[in-house]
Amino acid sequence: MGVIIRYEDGSTTHAVIYRLIGGTLRAAVEGTDGPVDFKLIRGKWISNRGAGVTFEFPIEIGMEFLQTLTDLADSEGDGHCATGGECLIRRMAESGNNGAPN
């Protein structure tokens, strides 16, 4: 799933998200040799080098993004959701509901 990473200094790069578990997002970032972890600290995403970042999702991915998250939830098996509770995405995948949550 493609995402644009915007750093505090205004620079941007493209990445593909591998997984999001709890407050850790792992991604393949353009121009790096291996996966990069981003941590959610006090409501702000921080890169492995200590810089604040935001993630931008191009609008055209809409339903593709939801399907990717659903696929990730399915592949996690007995994994857990970021909130530690019941997972809306997993519930949607199990029910076969591809629409918006109610």
PDB file of N, CA and C in Angstrom:
ATOM      1  N   MET A   1       0.826  -1.150   0.000  1.00  0.00           N
ATOM      2  CA  MET A   1       0.000   0.000   0.000  1.00  0.00           C
ATOM      3  C   MET A   1       0.881   1.227   0.000  1.00  0.00           C
ATOM      4  N   GLY A   2       0.740   2.056  -1.008  1.00  0.00           N
ATOM      5  CA  GLY A   2       1.591   3.218  -1.163  1.00  0.00           C
ATOM      6  C   GLY A   2       1.177   4.369  -0.265  1.00  0.00           C
ATOM      7  N   VAL A   3       2.165   5.067   0.242  1.00  0.00           N
ATOM      8  CA  VAL A   3       1.949   6.210   1.118  1.00  0.00           C
ATOM      9  C   VAL A   3       3.062   7.224   0.861  1.00  0.00           C
ATOM     10  N   ILE A   4       2.761   8.474   1.092  1.00  0.00           N
ATOM     11  CA  ILE A   4       3.773   9.532   1.012  1.00  0.00           C
ATOM     12  C   ILE A   4       4.124   9.919   2.436  1.00  0.00           C
ATOM     13  N   ILE A   5       5.416   9.929   2.747  1.00  0.00           N
ATOM     14  CA  ILE A   5       5.878  10.332   4.075  1.00  0.00           C
ATOM     15  C   ILE A   5       6.389  11.760   3.964  1.00  0.00           C
ATOM     16  N   ARG A   6       5.846  12.636   4.816  1.00  0.00           N
ATOM     17  CA  ARG A   6       6.271  14.039   4.848  1.00  0.00           C
ATOM     18  C   ARG A   6       7.014  14.271   6.172  1.00  0.00           C
ATOM     19  N   TYR A   7       8.272  14.690   6.054  1.00  0.00           N
ATOM     20  CA  TYR A   7       9.106  14.945   7.228  1.00  0.00           C
ATOM     21  C   TYR A   7       8.929  16.385   7.706  1.00  0.00           C
ATOM     22  N   GLU A   8       9.323  16.641   8.955  1.00  0.00           N
ATOM     23  CA  GLU A   8       9.197  17.971   9.565  1.00  0.00           C
ATOM     24  C   GLU A   8       9.844  19.074   8.730  1.00  0.00           C
ATOM     25  N   ASP A   9      10.943  18.745   8.049  1.00  0.00           N
ATOM     26  CA  ASP A   9      11.641  19.758   7.260  1.00  0.00           C
ATOM     27  C   ASP A   9      10.964  20.035   5.913  1.00  0.00           C
ATOM     28  N   GLY A  10       9.844  19.332   5.638  1.00  0.00           N
ATOM     29  CA  GLY A  10       9.108  19.547   4.399  1.00  0.00           C
ATOM     30  C   GLY A  10       9.452  18.570   3.290  1.00  0.00           C
ATOM     31  N   SER A  11      10.501  17.795   3.471  1.00  0.00           N
ATOM     32  CA  SER A  11      10.864  16.814   2.450  1.00  0.00           C
ATOM     33  C   SER A  11       9.856  15.665   2.456  1.00  0.00           C
ATOM     34  N   THR A  12       9.751  14.987   1.316  1.00  0.00           N
ATOM     35  CA  THR A  12       8.828  13.858   1.199  1.00  0.00           C
ATOM     36  C   THR A  12       9.523  12.680   0.540  1.00  0.00           C
ATOM     37  N   THR A  13       8.969  11.512   0.764  1.00  0.00           N
ATOM     38  CA  THR A  13       9.429  10.290   0.118  1.00  0.00           C
ATOM     39  C   THR A  13       8.244   9.339   0.010  1.00  0.00           C
ATOM     40  N   HIS A  14       8.376   8.360  -0.844  1.00  0.00           N
ATOM     41  CA  HIS A  14       7.326   7.358  -1.007  1.00  0.00           C
ATOM     42  C   HIS A  14       7.702   6.104  -0.227  1.00  0.00           C
ATOM     43  N   ALA A  15       6.660   5.396   0.226  1.00  0.00           N
ATOM     44  CA  ALA A  15       6.896   4.175   0.986  1.00  0.00           C
ATOM     45  C   ALA A  15       5.742   3.201   0.751  1.00  0.00           C
ATOM     46  N   VAL A  16       6.002   1.965   1.123  1.00  0.00           N
ATOM     47  CA  VAL A  16       4.974   0.930   1.105  1.00  0.00           C
ATOM     48  C   VAL A  16       4.886   0.386   2.525  1.00  0.00           C
ATOM     49  N   ILE A  17       3.686   0.385   3.080  1.00  0.00           N
ATOM     50  CA  ILE A  17       3.492  -0.080   4.454  1.00  0.00           C
ATOM     51  C   ILE A  17       3.495  -1.600   4.496  1.00  0.00           C
ATOM     52  N   TYR A  18       4.334  -2.137   5.402  1.00  0.00           N
ATOM     53  CA  TYR A  18       4.353  -3.582   5.642  1.00  0.00           C
ATOM     54  C   TYR A  18       3.323  -3.955   6.692  1.00  0.00           C
ATOM     55  N   ARG A  19       3.366  -3.228   7.812  1.00  0.00           N
ATOM     56  CA  ARG A  19       2.436  -3.553   8.888  1.00  0.00           C
ATOM     57  C   ARG A  19       2.318  -2.389   9.866  1.00  0.00           C
ATOM     58  N   LEU A  20       1.214  -2.424  10.592  1.00  0.00           N
ATOM     59  CA  LEU A  20       0.942  -1.453  11.649  1.00  0.00           C
ATOM     60  C   LEU A  20       0.442  -2.241  12.837  1.00  0.00           C
ATOM     61  N   ILE A  21       1.232  -2.288  13.884  1.00  0.00           N
ATOM     62  CA  ILE A  21       0.857  -2.993  15.108  1.00  0.00           C
ATOM     63  C   ILE A  21       1.108  -2.057  16.274  1.00  0.00           C
ATOM     64  N   GLY A  22       0.034  -1.802  17.021  1.00  0.00           N
ATOM     65  CA  GLY A  22       0.162  -0.891  18.154  1.00  0.00           C
ATOM     66  C   GLY A  22       0.655   0.455  17.672  1.00  0.00           C
ATOM     67  N   GLY A  23       1.680   0.971  18.295  1.00  0.00           N
ATOM     68  CA  GLY A  23       2.237   2.260  17.926  1.00  0.00           C
ATOM     69  C   GLY A  23       3.451   2.159  17.038  1.00  0.00           C
ATOM     70  N   THR A  24       3.566   1.062  16.288  1.00  0.00           N
ATOM     71  CA  THR A  24       4.704   0.889  15.386  1.00  0.00           C
ATOM     72  C   THR A  24       4.219   0.610  13.971  1.00  0.00           C
ATOM     73  N   LEU A  25       4.703   1.403  13.045  1.00  0.00           N
ATOM     74  CA  LEU A  25       4.415   1.210  11.625  1.00  0.00           C
ATOM     75  C   LEU A  25       5.727   0.850  10.946  1.00  0.00           C
ATOM     76  N   ARG A  26       5.747  -0.255  10.215  1.00  0.00           N
ATOM     77  CA  ARG A  26       6.953  -0.679   9.482  1.00  0.00           C
ATOM     78  C   ARG A  26       6.685  -0.507   8.000  1.00  0.00           C
ATOM     79  N   ALA A  27       7.655   0.102   7.298  1.00  0.00           N
ATOM     80  CA  ALA A  27       7.477   0.375   5.876  1.00  0.00           C
ATOM     81  C   ALA A  27       8.783   0.223   5.115  1.00  0.00           C
ATOM     82  N   ALA A  28       8.634  -0.068   3.816  1.00  0.00           N
ATOM     83  CA  ALA A  28       9.761  -0.012   2.897  1.00  0.00           C
ATOM     84  C   ALA A  28       9.779   1.412   2.370  1.00  0.00           C
ATOM     85  N   VAL A  29      10.837   2.137   2.670  1.00  0.00           N
ATOM     86  CA  VAL A  29      10.928   3.552   2.312  1.00  0.00           C
ATOM     87  C   VAL A  29      11.892   3.719   1.150  1.00  0.00           C
ATOM     88  N   GLU A  30      11.450   4.464   0.156  1.00  0.00           N
ATOM     89  CA  GLU A  30      12.260   4.747  -1.025  1.00  0.00           C
ATOM     90  C   GLU A  30      13.635   5.271  -0.608  1.00  0.00           C
ATOM     91  N   GLY A  31      14.681   4.663  -1.180  1.00  0.00           N
ATOM     92  CA  GLY A  31      16.037   5.125  -0.909  1.00  0.00           C
ATOM     93  C   GLY A  31      16.702   4.484   0.301  1.00  0.00           C
ATOM     94  N   THR A  32      16.015   3.540   0.966  1.00  0.00           N
ATOM     95  CA  THR A  32      16.627   2.845   2.100  1.00  0.00           C
ATOM     96  C   THR A  32      16.840   1.384   1.731  1.00  0.00           C
ATOM     97  N   ASP A  33      17.768   0.744   2.441  1.00  0.00           N
ATOM     98  CA  ASP A  33      18.107  -0.648   2.135  1.00  0.00           C
ATOM     99  C   ASP A  33      17.183  -1.666   2.795  1.00  0.00           C
ATOM    100  N   GLY A  34      16.614  -1.316   3.933  1.00  0.00           N
ATOM    101  CA  GLY A  34      15.771  -2.264   4.664  1.00  0.00           C
ATOM    102  C   GLY A  34      14.531  -1.577   5.199  1.00  0.00           C
ATOM    103  N   PRO A  35      13.685  -2.340   5.891  1.00  0.00           N
ATOM    104  CA  PRO A  35      12.463  -1.750   6.444  1.00  0.00           C
ATOM    105  C   PRO A  35      12.782  -0.691   7.493  1.00  0.00           C
ATOM    106  N   VAL A  36      11.890   0.282   7.591  1.00  0.00           N
ATOM    107  CA  VAL A  36      12.046   1.381   8.541  1.00  0.00           C
ATOM    108  C   VAL A  36      10.848   1.351   9.485  1.00  0.00           C
ATOM    109  N   ASP A  37      11.120   1.494  10.785  1.00  0.00           N
ATOM    110  CA  ASP A  37      10.054   1.545  11.781  1.00  0.00           C
ATOM    111  C   ASP A  37       9.785   2.991  12.178  1.00  0.00           C
ATOM    112  N   PHE A  38       8.506   3.308  12.289  1.00  0.00           N
ATOM    113  CA  PHE A  38       8.056   4.605  12.782  1.00  0.00           C
ATOM    114  C   PHE A  38       7.277   4.332  14.053  1.00  0.00           C
ATOM    115  N   LYS A  39       7.490   5.161  15.082  1.00  0.00           N
ATOM    116  CA  LYS A  39       6.833   4.967  16.375  1.00  0.00           C
ATOM    117  C   LYS A  39       5.876   6.122  16.650  1.00  0.00           C
ATOM    118  N   LEU A  40       4.733   5.787  17.214  1.00  0.00           N
ATOM    119  CA  LEU A  40       3.768   6.782  17.638  1.00  0.00           C
ATOM    120  C   LEU A  40       4.072   7.118  19.088  1.00  0.00           C
ATOM    121  N   ILE A  41       4.554   8.340  19.303  1.00  0.00           N
ATOM    122  CA  ILE A  41       4.950   8.775  20.639  1.00  0.00           C
ATOM    123  C   ILE A  41       4.184  10.051  20.985  1.00  0.00           C
ATOM    124  N   ARG A  42       3.373   9.964  22.043  1.00  0.00           N
ATOM    125  CA  ARG A  42       2.553  11.100  22.488  1.00  0.00           C
ATOM    126  C   ARG A  42       1.767  11.736  21.343  1.00  0.00           C
ATOM    127  N   GLY A  43       1.162  10.883  20.514  1.00  0.00           N
ATOM    128  CA  GLY A  43       0.302  11.359  19.443  1.00  0.00           C
ATOM    129  C   GLY A  43       1.016  11.852  18.203  1.00  0.00           C
ATOM    130  N   LYS A  44       2.333  11.632  18.121  1.00  0.00           N
ATOM    131  CA  LYS A  44       3.111  12.097  16.962  1.00  0.00           C
ATOM    132  C   LYS A  44       3.959  10.947  16.428  1.00  0.00           C
ATOM    133  N   TRP A  45       3.937  10.752  15.090  1.00  0.00           N
ATOM    134  CA  TRP A  45       4.760   9.709  14.475  1.00  0.00           C
ATOM    135  C   TRP A  45       6.205  10.194  14.371  1.00  0.00           C
ATOM    136  N   ILE A  46       7.134   9.343  14.800  1.00  0.00           N
ATOM    137  CA  ILE A  46       8.562   9.672  14.822  1.00  0.00           C
ATOM    138  C   ILE A  46       9.317   8.627  13.999  1.00  0.00           C
ATOM    139  N   SER A  47      10.216   9.102  13.134  1.00  0.00           N
ATOM    140  CA  SER A  47      11.022   8.190  12.317  1.00  0.00           C
ATOM    141  C   SER A  47      12.103   7.537  13.169  1.00  0.00           C
ATOM    142  N   ASN A  48      12.768   6.540  12.603  1.00  0.00           N
ATOM    143  CA  ASN A  48      13.853   5.871  13.320  1.00  0.00           C
ATOM    144  C   ASN A  48      15.043   6.800  13.562  1.00  0.00           C
ATOM    145  N   ARG A  49      15.055   7.953  12.910  1.00  0.00           N
ATOM    146  CA  ARG A  49      16.131   8.944  13.123  1.00  0.00           C
ATOM    147  C   ARG A  49      15.685  10.091  14.015  1.00  0.00           C
ATOM    148  N   GLY A  50      14.468   9.990  14.568  1.00  0.00           N
ATOM    149  CA  GLY A  50      13.994  10.981  15.530  1.00  0.00           C
ATOM    150  C   GLY A  50      13.222  12.153  14.945  1.00  0.00           C
ATOM    151  N   ALA A  51      12.985  12.151  13.638  1.00  0.00           N
ATOM    152  CA  ALA A  51      12.253  13.256  12.999  1.00  0.00           C
ATOM    153  C   ALA A  51      10.751  12.970  13.010  1.00  0.00           C
ATOM    154  N   GLY A  52       9.958  14.013  13.229  1.00  0.00           N
ATOM    155  CA  GLY A  52       8.511  13.884  13.158  1.00  0.00           C
ATOM    156  C   GLY A  52       8.068  13.712  11.711  1.00  0.00           C
ATOM    157  N   VAL A  53       7.069  12.866  11.489  1.00  0.00           N
ATOM    158  CA  VAL A  53       6.568  12.611  10.141  1.00  0.00           C
ATOM    159  C   VAL A  53       5.043  12.579  10.148  1.00  0.00           C
ATOM    160  N   THR A  54       4.478  12.799   8.977  1.00  0.00           N
ATOM    161  CA  THR A  54       3.057  12.546   8.750  1.00  0.00           C
ATOM    162  C   THR A  54       2.961  11.629   7.548  1.00  0.00           C
ATOM    163  N   PHE A  55       1.849  10.911   7.462  1.00  0.00           N
ATOM    164  CA  PHE A  55       1.617   9.990   6.358  1.00  0.00           C
ATOM    165  C   PHE A  55       0.458  10.507   5.530  1.00  0.00           C
ATOM    166  N   GLU A  56       0.653  10.564   4.236  1.00  0.00           N
ATOM    167  CA  GLU A  56      -0.382  11.030   3.319  1.00  0.00           C
ATOM    168  C   GLU A  56      -0.773   9.873   2.409  1.00  0.00           C
ATOM    169  N   PHE A  57      -2.087   9.647   2.324  1.00  0.00           N
ATOM    170  CA  PHE A  57      -2.604   8.571   1.500  1.00  0.00           C
ATOM    171  C   PHE A  57      -3.307   9.180   0.303  1.00  0.00           C
ATOM    172  N   PRO A  58      -2.790   8.955  -0.903  1.00  0.00           N
ATOM    173  CA  PRO A  58      -3.438   9.521  -2.090  1.00  0.00           C
ATOM    174  C   PRO A  58      -4.902   9.094  -2.159  1.00  0.00           C
ATOM    175  N   ILE A  59      -5.783  10.026  -2.483  1.00  0.00           N
ATOM    176  CA  ILE A  59      -7.219   9.797  -2.479  1.00  0.00           C
ATOM    177  C   ILE A  59      -7.640   8.663  -3.390  1.00  0.00           C
ATOM    178  N   GLU A  60      -6.925   8.454  -4.466  1.00  0.00           N
ATOM    179  CA  GLU A  60      -7.334   7.432  -5.420  1.00  0.00           C
ATOM    180  C   GLU A  60      -7.227   6.010  -4.880  1.00  0.00           C
ATOM    181  N   ILE A  61      -6.568   5.811  -3.742  1.00  0.00           N
ATOM    182  CA  ILE A  61      -6.456   4.445  -3.242  1.00  0.00           C
ATOM    183  C   ILE A  61      -7.673   4.019  -2.434  1.00  0.00           C
ATOM    184  N   GLY A  62      -8.486   4.925  -1.941  1.00  0.00           N
ATOM    185  CA  GLY A  62      -9.715   4.671  -1.198  1.00  0.00           C
ATOM    186  C   GLY A  62     -10.025   3.241  -0.830  1.00  0.00           C
ATOM    187  N   MET A  63     -10.810   2.554  -1.653  1.00  0.00           N
ATOM    188  CA  MET A  63     -11.237   1.192  -1.358  1.00  0.00           C
ATOM    189  C   MET A  63     -10.071   0.206  -1.409  1.00  0.00           C
ATOM    190  N   GLU A  64      -9.072   0.489  -2.243  1.00  0.00           N
ATOM    191  CA  GLU A  64      -7.888  -0.380  -2.283  1.00  0.00           C
ATOM    192  C   GLU A  64      -7.211  -0.387  -0.912  1.00  0.00           C
ATOM    193  N   PHE A  65      -7.157   0.777  -0.254  1.00  0.00           N
ATOM    194  CA  PHE A  65      -6.577   0.894   1.085  1.00  0.00           C
ATOM    195  C   PHE A  65      -7.351   0.025   2.076  1.00  0.00           C
ATOM    196  N   LEU A  66      -8.677   0.125   2.048  1.00  0.00           N
ATOM    197  CA  LEU A  66      -9.504  -0.670   2.944  1.00  0.00           C
ATOM    198  C   LEU A  66      -9.288  -2.156   2.688  1.00  0.00           C
ATOM    199  N   GLN A  67      -9.220  -2.559   1.422  1.00  0.00           N
ATOM    200  CA  GLN A  67      -9.013  -3.968   1.103  1.00  0.00           C
ATOM    201  C   GLN A  67      -7.638  -4.432   1.580  1.00  0.00           C
ATOM    202  N   THR A  68      -6.616  -3.591   1.423  1.00  0.00           N
ATOM    203  CA  THR A  68      -5.273  -3.941   1.884  1.00  0.00           C
ATOM    204  C   THR A  68      -5.268  -4.141   3.392  1.00  0.00           C
ATOM    205  N   LEU A  69      -5.913  -3.233   4.126  1.00  0.00           N
ATOM    206  CA  LEU A  69      -5.980  -3.380   5.580  1.00  0.00           C
ATOM    207  C   LEU A  69      -6.725  -4.655   5.962  1.00  0.00           C
ATOM    208  N   THR A  70      -7.787  -4.949   5.238  1.00  0.00           N
ATOM    209  CA  THR A  70      -8.547  -6.169   5.488  1.00  0.00           C
ATOM    210  C   THR A  70      -7.667  -7.389   5.249  1.00  0.00           C
ATOM    211  N   ASP A  71      -6.917  -7.386   4.149  1.00  0.00           N
ATOM    212  CA  ASP A  71      -6.014  -8.493   3.850  1.00  0.00           C
ATOM    213  C   ASP A  71      -4.947  -8.641   4.934  1.00  0.00           C
ATOM    214  N   LEU A  72      -4.420  -7.510   5.413  1.00  0.00           N
ATOM    215  CA  LEU A  72      -3.416  -7.556   6.481  1.00  0.00           C
ATOM    216  C   LEU A  72      -4.010  -8.140   7.750  1.00  0.00           C
ATOM    217  N   ALA A  73      -5.227  -7.733   8.085  1.00  0.00           N
ATOM    218  CA  ALA A  73      -5.891  -8.261   9.280  1.00  0.00           C
ATOM    219  C   ALA A  73      -6.077  -9.765   9.154  1.00  0.00           C
ATOM    220  N   ASP A  74      -6.459 -10.230   7.966  1.00  0.00           N
ATOM    221  CA  ASP A  74      -6.633 -11.663   7.737  1.00  0.00           C
ATOM    222  C   ASP A  74      -5.308 -12.406   7.890  1.00  0.00           C
ATOM    223  N   SER A  75      -4.225 -11.821   7.389  1.00  0.00           N
ATOM    224  CA  SER A  75      -2.933 -12.500   7.408  1.00  0.00           C
ATOM    225  C   SER A  75      -2.306 -12.520   8.797  1.00  0.00           C
ATOM    226  N   GLU A  76      -2.754 -11.644   9.690  1.00  0.00           N
ATOM    227  CA  GLU A  76      -2.210 -11.593  11.041  1.00  0.00           C
ATOM    228  C   GLU A  76      -2.671 -12.782  11.881  1.00  0.00           C
ATOM    229  N   GLY A  77      -3.709 -13.481  11.419  1.00  0.00           N
ATOM    230  CA  GLY A  77      -4.192 -14.636  12.174  1.00  0.00           C
ATOM    231  C   GLY A  77      -4.663 -14.219  13.548  1.00  0.00           C
ATOM    232  N   ASP A  78      -3.928 -14.632  14.561  1.00  0.00           N
ATOM    233  CA  ASP A  78      -4.297 -14.316  15.933  1.00  0.00           C
ATOM    234  C   ASP A  78      -3.648 -13.020  16.411  1.00  0.00           C
ATOM    235  N   GLY A  79      -3.233 -12.174  15.484  1.00  0.00           N
ATOM    236  CA  GLY A  79      -2.629 -10.900  15.863  1.00  0.00           C
ATOM    237  C   GLY A  79      -3.613 -10.029  16.605  1.00  0.00           C
ATOM    238  N   HIS A  80      -3.200  -8.848  16.969  1.00  0.00           N
ATOM    239  CA  HIS A  80      -4.061  -7.953  17.727  1.00  0.00           C
ATOM    240  C   HIS A  80      -4.174  -6.613  17.031  1.00  0.00           C
ATOM    241  N   CYS A  81      -5.189  -5.885  17.379  1.00  0.00           N
ATOM    242  CA  CYS A  81      -5.404  -4.562  16.792  1.00  0.00           C
ATOM    243  C   CYS A  81      -4.631  -3.515  17.585  1.00  0.00           C
ATOM    244  N   ALA A  82      -4.443  -2.368  16.970  1.00  0.00           N
ATOM    245  CA  ALA A  82      -3.667  -1.295  17.588  1.00  0.00           C
ATOM    246  C   ALA A  82      -4.232  -0.892  18.942  1.00  0.00           C
ATOM    247  N   THR A  83      -5.552  -0.937  19.098  1.00  0.00           N
ATOM    248  CA  THR A  83      -6.162  -0.511  20.350  1.00  0.00           C
ATOM    249  C   THR A  83      -6.139  -1.605  21.392  1.00  0.00           C
ATOM    250  N   GLY A  84      -5.765  -2.819  20.993  1.00  0.00           N
ATOM    251  CA  GLY A  84      -5.727  -3.926  21.927  1.00  0.00           C
ATOM    252  C   GLY A  84      -7.088  -4.568  22.135  1.00  0.00           C
ATOM    253  N   GLY A  85      -8.117  -4.031  21.517  1.00  0.00           N
ATOM    254  CA  GLY A  85      -9.470  -4.550  21.679  1.00  0.00           C
ATOM    255  C   GLY A  85      -9.954  -5.211  20.416  1.00  0.00           C
ATOM    256  N   GLU A  86     -11.273  -5.235  20.281  1.00  0.00           N
ATOM    257  CA  GLU A  86     -11.882  -5.845  19.114  1.00  0.00           C
ATOM    258  C   GLU A  86     -11.507  -5.024  17.877  1.00  0.00           C
ATOM    259  N   CYS A  87     -11.285  -5.681  16.779  1.00  0.00           N
ATOM    260  CA  CYS A  87     -10.793  -5.012  15.579  1.00  0.00           C
ATOM    261  C   CYS A  87     -11.900  -4.861  14.544  1.00  0.00           C
ATOM    262  N   LEU A  88     -12.251  -3.633  14.205  1.00  0.00           N
ATOM    263  CA  LEU A  88     -13.279  -3.354  13.219  1.00  0.00           C
ATOM    264  C   LEU A  88     -12.910  -3.946  11.864  1.00  0.00           C
ATOM    265  N   ILE A  89     -11.668  -3.809  11.465  1.00  0.00           N
ATOM    266  CA  ILE A  89     -11.253  -4.321  10.157  1.00  0.00           C
ATOM    267  C   ILE A  89     -11.395  -5.835  10.128  1.00  0.00           C
ATOM    268  N   ARG A  90     -10.985  -6.511  11.210  1.00  0.00           N
ATOM    269  CA  ARG A  90     -11.111  -7.960  11.256  1.00  0.00           C
ATOM    270  C   ARG A  90     -12.578  -8.367  11.233  1.00  0.00           C
ATOM    271  N   ARG A  91     -13.447  -7.647  11.950  1.00  0.00           N
ATOM    272  CA  ARG A  91     -14.877  -7.950  11.939  1.00  0.00           C
ATOM    273  C   ARG A  91     -15.432  -7.797  10.540  1.00  0.00           C
ATOM    274  N   MET A  92     -15.005  -6.738   9.833  1.00  0.00           N
ATOM    275  CA  MET A  92     -15.486  -6.515   8.475  1.00  0.00           C
ATOM    276  C   MET A  92     -15.030  -7.643   7.560  1.00  0.00           C
ATOM    277  N   ALA A  93     -13.781  -8.081   7.723  1.00  0.00           N
ATOM    278  CA  ALA A  93     -13.254  -9.146   6.873  1.00  0.00           C
ATOM    279  C   ALA A  93     -13.998 -10.451   7.129  1.00  0.00           C
ATOM    280  N   GLU A  94     -14.277 -10.738   8.400  1.00  0.00           N
ATOM    281  CA  GLU A  94     -14.957 -11.983   8.725  1.00  0.00           C
ATOM    282  C   GLU A  94     -16.388 -11.994   8.229  1.00  0.00           C
ATOM    283  N   SER A  95     -17.031 -10.834   8.241  1.00  0.00           N
ATOM    284  CA  SER A  95     -18.439 -10.785   7.807  1.00  0.00           C
ATOM    285  C   SER A  95     -18.564 -10.651   6.290  1.00  0.00           C
ATOM    286  N   GLY A  96     -17.447 -10.401   5.617  1.00  0.00           N
ATOM    287  CA  GLY A  96     -17.490 -10.210   4.163  1.00  0.00           C
ATOM    288  C   GLY A  96     -18.035  -8.859   3.781  1.00  0.00           C
ATOM    289  N   ASN A  97     -18.127  -7.946   4.718  1.00  0.00           N
ATOM    290  CA  ASN A  97     -18.665  -6.605   4.479  1.00  0.00           C
ATOM    291  C   ASN A  97     -17.569  -5.724   3.894  1.00  0.00           C
ATOM    292  N   ASN A  98     -17.705  -5.349   2.645  1.00  0.00           N
ATOM    293  CA  ASN A  98     -16.716  -4.466   2.013  1.00  0.00           C
ATOM    294  C   ASN A  98     -17.159  -3.022   2.014  1.00  0.00           C
ATOM    295  N   GLY A  99     -18.315  -2.744   2.598  1.00  0.00           N
ATOM    296  CA  GLY A  99     -18.833  -1.373   2.655  1.00  0.00           C
ATOM    297  C   GLY A  99     -18.256  -0.629   3.831  1.00  0.00           C
ATOM    298  N   ALA A 100     -18.760   0.564   4.025  1.00  0.00           N
ATOM    299  CA  ALA A 100     -18.310   1.401   5.130  1.00  0.00           C
ATOM    300  C   ALA A 100     -18.862   0.864   6.445  1.00  0.00           C
ATOM    301  N   PRO A 101     -18.125   1.015   7.549  1.00  0.00           N
ATOM    302  CA  PRO A 101     -18.636   0.582   8.838  1.00  0.00           C
ATOM    303  C   PRO A 101     -19.843   1.435   9.224  1.00  0.00           C
ATOM    304  N   ASN A 102     -20.760   0.840   9.991  1.00  0.00           N
ATOM    305  CA  ASN A 102     -21.929   1.604  10.412  1.00  0.00           C
ATOM    306  C   ASN A 102     -21.793   2.091  11.810  1.00  0.00           C
TER     307      ASN A 102
END
